[in-house]
Amino acid sequence: MNILAILIPVSLTLGGLGLVAFLWSLRAEQYDDLDGAAWRILMDDDAPPLDVDQRQDAEHPRSS
């Protein structure tokens, strides 16, 4: 029975910390854009990698 005097306050403290963390995440707007991450995965906006000649031209453009 003495262990309950330790476990009950510990469990209430951990539950309170979880509630504080959840409320912080709500205030920090962590749940505002739930669909954005899913759509960003599907979008193919990456440019193809440059080969060596294109990379050198991009770094040092030739003047005409």
N, C-alpha and C. Protein backbone atom coordinates (compact mmCIF):
# COMPACT_ATOMS: atom_id res chain seq x y z
N MET A 1 0.81 -1.20 0.00
CA MET A 1 0.00 0.00 0.00
C MET A 1 0.85 1.26 0.00
N ASN A 2 2.05 1.17 0.57
CA ASN A 2 2.91 2.35 0.60
C ASN A 2 3.37 2.77 -0.80
N ILE A 3 3.43 1.81 -1.71
CA ILE A 3 3.88 2.13 -3.07
C ILE A 3 2.87 3.03 -3.78
N LEU A 4 1.58 2.93 -3.39
CA LEU A 4 0.58 3.78 -4.00
C LEU A 4 0.82 5.25 -3.67
N ALA A 5 1.41 5.52 -2.53
CA ALA A 5 1.71 6.90 -2.15
C ALA A 5 2.78 7.49 -3.08
N ILE A 6 3.54 6.64 -3.74
CA ILE A 6 4.56 7.10 -4.68
C ILE A 6 4.01 7.08 -6.11
N LEU A 7 3.32 6.01 -6.47
CA LEU A 7 2.88 5.83 -7.85
C LEU A 7 1.79 6.82 -8.26
N ILE A 8 0.87 7.14 -7.37
CA ILE A 8 -0.21 8.06 -7.73
C ILE A 8 0.32 9.46 -8.03
N PRO A 9 1.16 10.06 -7.18
CA PRO A 9 1.70 11.38 -7.56
C PRO A 9 2.58 11.34 -8.81
N VAL A 10 3.34 10.26 -8.99
CA VAL A 10 4.19 10.15 -10.18
C VAL A 10 3.31 10.09 -11.44
N SER A 11 2.24 9.28 -11.39
CA SER A 11 1.37 9.16 -12.57
C SER A 11 0.63 10.47 -12.83
N LEU A 12 0.20 11.18 -11.80
CA LEU A 12 -0.45 12.47 -11.99
C LEU A 12 0.52 13.50 -12.56
N THR A 13 1.76 13.46 -12.12
CA THR A 13 2.77 14.38 -12.64
C THR A 13 3.05 14.10 -14.11
N LEU A 14 3.22 12.84 -14.46
CA LEU A 14 3.47 12.49 -15.87
C LEU A 14 2.27 12.83 -16.75
N GLY A 15 1.07 12.61 -16.25
CA GLY A 15 -0.12 12.98 -17.01
C GLY A 15 -0.20 14.48 -17.19
N GLY A 16 0.14 15.24 -16.16
CA GLY A 16 0.15 16.70 -16.27
C GLY A 16 1.19 17.18 -17.26
N LEU A 17 2.37 16.56 -17.26
CA LEU A 17 3.40 16.92 -18.23
C LEU A 17 2.94 16.63 -19.66
N GLY A 18 2.25 15.52 -19.85
CA GLY A 18 1.72 15.20 -21.18
C GLY A 18 0.68 16.21 -21.61
N LEU A 19 -0.17 16.64 -20.68
CA LEU A 19 -1.17 17.66 -21.00
C LEU A 19 -0.52 18.99 -21.35
N VAL A 20 0.51 19.37 -20.60
CA VAL A 20 1.22 20.62 -20.88
C VAL A 20 1.89 20.55 -22.25
N ALA A 21 2.48 19.41 -22.57
CA ALA A 21 3.13 19.26 -23.88
C ALA A 21 2.10 19.34 -25.01
N PHE A 22 0.94 18.74 -24.81
CA PHE A 22 -0.11 18.80 -25.82
C PHE A 22 -0.62 20.24 -26.00
N LEU A 23 -0.85 20.93 -24.91
CA LEU A 23 -1.31 22.31 -25.01
C LEU A 23 -0.26 23.22 -25.65
N TRP A 24 1.01 22.96 -25.36
CA TRP A 24 2.08 23.72 -26.01
C TRP A 24 2.07 23.50 -27.52
N SER A 25 1.87 22.24 -27.92
CA SER A 25 1.87 21.95 -29.35
C SER A 25 0.67 22.60 -30.04
N LEU A 26 -0.45 22.72 -29.35
CA LEU A 26 -1.60 23.43 -29.93
C LEU A 26 -1.29 24.91 -30.10
N ARG A 27 -0.68 25.52 -29.10
CA ARG A 27 -0.35 26.95 -29.18
C ARG A 27 0.74 27.23 -30.21
N ALA A 28 1.62 26.26 -30.43
CA ALA A 28 2.70 26.43 -31.41
C ALA A 28 2.22 26.10 -32.83
N GLU A 29 0.91 25.87 -32.97
CA GLU A 29 0.29 25.61 -34.28
C GLU A 29 0.90 24.42 -35.01
N GLN A 30 1.15 23.34 -34.26
CA GLN A 30 1.72 22.13 -34.86
C GLN A 30 0.69 21.36 -35.68
N TYR A 31 -0.60 21.57 -35.43
CA TYR A 31 -1.64 20.78 -36.08
C TYR A 31 -2.41 21.59 -37.11
N ASP A 32 -1.91 22.73 -37.56
CA ASP A 32 -2.65 23.58 -38.47
C ASP A 32 -2.70 23.04 -39.89
N ASP A 33 -1.63 22.48 -40.41
CA ASP A 33 -1.57 22.03 -41.79
C ASP A 33 -1.36 20.53 -41.83
N LEU A 34 -2.45 19.77 -41.66
CA LEU A 34 -2.32 18.31 -41.63
C LEU A 34 -2.17 17.72 -43.02
N ASP A 35 -2.72 18.36 -44.03
CA ASP A 35 -2.65 17.80 -45.38
C ASP A 35 -1.43 18.27 -46.16
N GLY A 36 -0.79 19.32 -45.72
CA GLY A 36 0.33 19.89 -46.47
C GLY A 36 1.49 18.93 -46.61
N ALA A 37 1.86 18.26 -45.55
CA ALA A 37 3.00 17.34 -45.62
C ALA A 37 2.69 16.17 -46.54
N ALA A 38 1.45 15.69 -46.52
CA ALA A 38 1.08 14.57 -47.39
C ALA A 38 1.17 14.97 -48.86
N TRP A 39 0.75 16.19 -49.19
CA TRP A 39 0.82 16.64 -50.58
C TRP A 39 2.24 16.96 -51.01
N ARG A 40 3.06 17.46 -50.08
CA ARG A 40 4.46 17.79 -50.44
C ARG A 40 5.24 16.54 -50.80
N ILE A 41 4.89 15.40 -50.21
CA ILE A 41 5.57 14.15 -50.55
C ILE A 41 5.28 13.78 -52.00
N LEU A 42 4.05 14.01 -52.43
CA LEU A 42 3.63 13.59 -53.77
C LEU A 42 4.09 14.54 -54.87
N MET A 43 4.41 15.76 -54.54
CA MET A 43 4.82 16.73 -55.56
C MET A 43 6.25 16.46 -56.01
N ASP A 44 6.49 16.57 -57.30
CA ASP A 44 7.81 16.30 -57.86
C ASP A 44 8.41 17.62 -58.34
N ASP A 45 8.87 18.43 -57.41
CA ASP A 45 9.43 19.73 -57.75
C ASP A 45 10.95 19.73 -57.86
N ASP A 46 11.56 18.60 -57.67
CA ASP A 46 13.02 18.54 -57.69
C ASP A 46 13.53 18.62 -59.13
N ALA A 47 14.53 19.44 -59.32
CA ALA A 47 15.17 19.54 -60.63
C ALA A 47 16.11 18.36 -60.80
N PRO A 48 16.29 17.89 -62.03
CA PRO A 48 17.22 16.78 -62.24
C PRO A 48 18.65 17.24 -61.92
N PRO A 49 19.48 16.33 -61.45
CA PRO A 49 20.86 16.72 -61.13
C PRO A 49 21.62 17.16 -62.38
N LEU A 50 22.48 18.14 -62.20
CA LEU A 50 23.28 18.64 -63.31
C LEU A 50 24.49 17.74 -63.54
N ASP A 51 24.85 17.57 -64.80
CA ASP A 51 26.08 16.84 -65.05
C ASP A 51 27.26 17.81 -64.87
N VAL A 52 28.46 17.32 -65.02
CA VAL A 52 29.65 18.10 -64.72
C VAL A 52 29.74 19.36 -65.59
N ASP A 53 29.47 19.25 -66.92
CA ASP A 53 29.56 20.41 -67.81
C ASP A 53 28.54 21.48 -67.44
N GLN A 54 27.31 21.07 -67.14
CA GLN A 54 26.27 22.03 -66.77
C GLN A 54 26.60 22.71 -65.44
N ARG A 55 27.18 21.96 -64.51
CA ARG A 55 27.52 22.53 -63.22
C ARG A 55 28.62 23.58 -63.38
N GLN A 56 29.62 23.31 -64.23
CA GLN A 56 30.68 24.28 -64.45
C GLN A 56 30.14 25.52 -65.16
N ASP A 57 29.20 25.34 -66.10
CA ASP A 57 28.61 26.48 -66.79
C ASP A 57 27.78 27.33 -65.82
N ALA A 58 27.11 26.69 -64.90
CA ALA A 58 26.29 27.43 -63.94
C ALA A 58 27.17 28.23 -62.98
N GLU A 59 28.32 27.68 -62.63
CA GLU A 59 29.24 28.37 -61.71
C GLU A 59 29.99 29.51 -62.40
N HIS A 60 30.40 29.29 -63.66
CA HIS A 60 31.19 30.25 -64.42
C HIS A 60 30.53 30.49 -65.78
N PRO A 61 29.53 31.33 -65.84
CA PRO A 61 28.86 31.55 -67.14
C PRO A 61 29.81 32.23 -68.12
N ARG A 62 29.69 31.82 -69.35
CA ARG A 62 30.51 32.38 -70.43
C ARG A 62 29.89 33.68 -70.89
N SER A 63 30.70 34.69 -71.06
CA SER A 63 30.18 35.95 -71.58
C SER A 63 30.20 35.92 -73.11
N SER A 64 29.17 36.49 -73.73
CA SER A 64 29.07 36.46 -75.20
C SER A 64 29.55 37.76 -75.77
